[in-house]
Structure formats: structure tokens, C-alpha cells
Protein backbone atom coordinates (compact mmCIF):
# COMPACT_ATOMS: atom_id res chain seq x y z
CA MET A 1 -3.60 5.13 -7.68
CA LEU A 2 -0.11 4.94 -6.32
CA PHE A 3 2.77 6.56 -8.19
CA CYS A 4 6.29 5.31 -7.64
CA ARG A 5 9.55 6.63 -9.15
CA MET A 6 12.28 4.12 -9.86
CA LYS A 7 15.28 5.00 -11.99
CA GLU A 8 13.57 7.84 -13.85
CA THR A 9 10.50 5.75 -14.74
CA VAL A 10 7.07 6.24 -13.22
CA PHE A 11 5.17 3.05 -12.44
CA ILE A 12 1.47 3.18 -11.67
CA TYR A 13 0.23 0.55 -9.24
CA PRO A 14 -3.56 0.33 -9.23
CA CYS A 15 -3.81 -2.20 -6.38
CA ALA A 16 -1.41 -1.57 -3.54
CA LYS A 17 -1.65 -3.28 -0.13
CA LEU A 18 -0.21 -2.54 3.28
CA ASN A 19 2.47 -4.91 4.44
CA SER A 20 3.27 -5.72 8.08
CA GLY A 21 5.27 -2.50 8.49
CA GLY A 22 2.33 -0.36 7.39
CA LYS A 23 4.00 0.55 4.09
CA MET A 24 2.28 0.15 0.75
CA ARG A 25 3.49 -2.71 -1.34
CA SER A 26 2.24 -3.47 -4.82
CA HIS A 27 1.73 -6.79 -6.51
CA TYR A 28 3.33 -5.32 -9.63
CA PHE A 29 6.48 -4.33 -7.73
CA VAL A 30 6.85 -7.86 -6.37
CA GLN A 31 6.20 -9.23 -9.86
CA LEU A 32 8.85 -6.87 -11.27
CA LYS A 33 11.43 -8.19 -8.79
CA LYS A 34 10.58 -11.78 -9.73
CA GLU A 35 10.92 -10.98 -13.42
CA GLN A 36 14.32 -9.39 -12.81
CA GLY A 37 15.40 -12.54 -10.97
CA VAL A 38 14.24 -14.73 -13.82
CA ALA A 39 16.03 -12.51 -16.32
CA LEU A 40 19.25 -12.75 -14.30
CA ILE A 41 19.04 -16.54 -14.13
CA THR A 42 18.31 -16.70 -17.86
CA VAL A 43 21.35 -14.54 -18.65
CA ILE A 44 23.59 -16.65 -16.40
CA ILE A 45 22.41 -19.88 -18.04
CA PHE A 46 22.90 -18.37 -21.51
CA PHE A 47 26.41 -17.22 -20.54
CA LEU A 48 27.26 -20.70 -19.24
CA LEU A 49 26.05 -22.30 -22.47
CA ILE A 50 28.11 -19.90 -24.57
CA SER A 51 31.14 -20.56 -22.36
CA MET A 52 30.74 -24.32 -22.74
CA VAL A 53 30.52 -23.98 -26.52
CA ALA A 54 33.67 -21.83 -26.53
CA VAL A 55 35.62 -24.26 -24.34
CA THR A 56 34.49 -27.22 -26.45
CA SER A 57 35.51 -25.41 -29.64
CA ILE A 58 38.95 -24.61 -28.25
CA PHE A 59 39.39 -28.23 -27.13
CA LEU A 60 38.40 -29.56 -30.56
CA MET A 61 40.69 -27.14 -32.39
CA THR A 62 43.63 -28.07 -30.15
CA ASN A 63 42.93 -31.77 -30.63
CA GLN A 64 42.72 -31.41 -34.42
CA SER A 65 45.98 -29.47 -34.44
CA ARG A 66 47.73 -32.25 -32.52
CA LEU A 67 46.34 -34.91 -34.86
CA ALA A 68 47.49 -32.95 -37.92
CA GLU A 69 50.98 -32.54 -36.45
CA LYS A 70 51.20 -36.30 -35.75
CA GLN A 71 50.13 -37.07 -39.30
CA VAL A 72 52.76 -34.71 -40.72
CA ARG A 73 55.46 -36.35 -38.59
CA ARG A 74 54.32 -39.82 -39.67
CA ILE A 75 54.42 -38.86 -43.36
CA ARG A 76 57.89 -37.29 -42.95
CA ALA A 77 59.14 -40.45 -41.25
CA MET A 78 57.72 -42.61 -44.04
CA TYR A 79 59.37 -40.52 -46.78
CA SER A 80 62.65 -40.42 -44.85
CA SER A 81 62.66 -44.21 -44.51
CA GLN A 82 61.85 -44.64 -48.22
CA ALA A 83 64.67 -42.25 -49.13
CA GLY A 84 67.03 -44.26 -46.94
CA ILE A 85 65.98 -47.49 -48.65
CA VAL A 86 66.52 -45.95 -52.10
CA GLN A 87 70.01 -44.71 -51.22
CA ALA A 88 71.08 -48.01 -49.69
């Protein structure tokens, strides 16, 4: 068995092979690198989805705020015009 220390963890590789440089390389080590790559891609995709939800929420809140302000202005204008008609 081959023992390998990486970041204070001991991994045991039962089937190690020699690569072209004559060094031992394990299938598990290659699999671990692939899993780390997949995890990184998954985290990036998750972060992008969360970012898109945040941007969409901010856009919708801003849009609703503008619509509410326009409605308030329209109602004020209507009451002002009615008050002008009553006083005339």
C-alpha cells in the first residue's frame, strides 16, 4: 500500500501505477482532483444562480417602487384637479 500525506490527512492508495516519469500515481488521486473540479464548477454555478436571483429581486423592487411613485403622483394630480374644480 502507498501512503500519501496531503494537508494533514493520510490517504491510502491500494492500486498505484507508474506514470511516464517513473513516479507513482494513483487512480484515487486523479479521481480526487476530478471531484474537486466538479465541486468548484458546482459552487460557481450555484453562486451565479444566487447572483441572478439577487439581481432580479433588486430589479423587481426598483420597478415596483417606480410604479408606486407614479401612482401616488397620479392620485395627487387627480385630487388637485378636483379641488381646483370645486373652488372654481
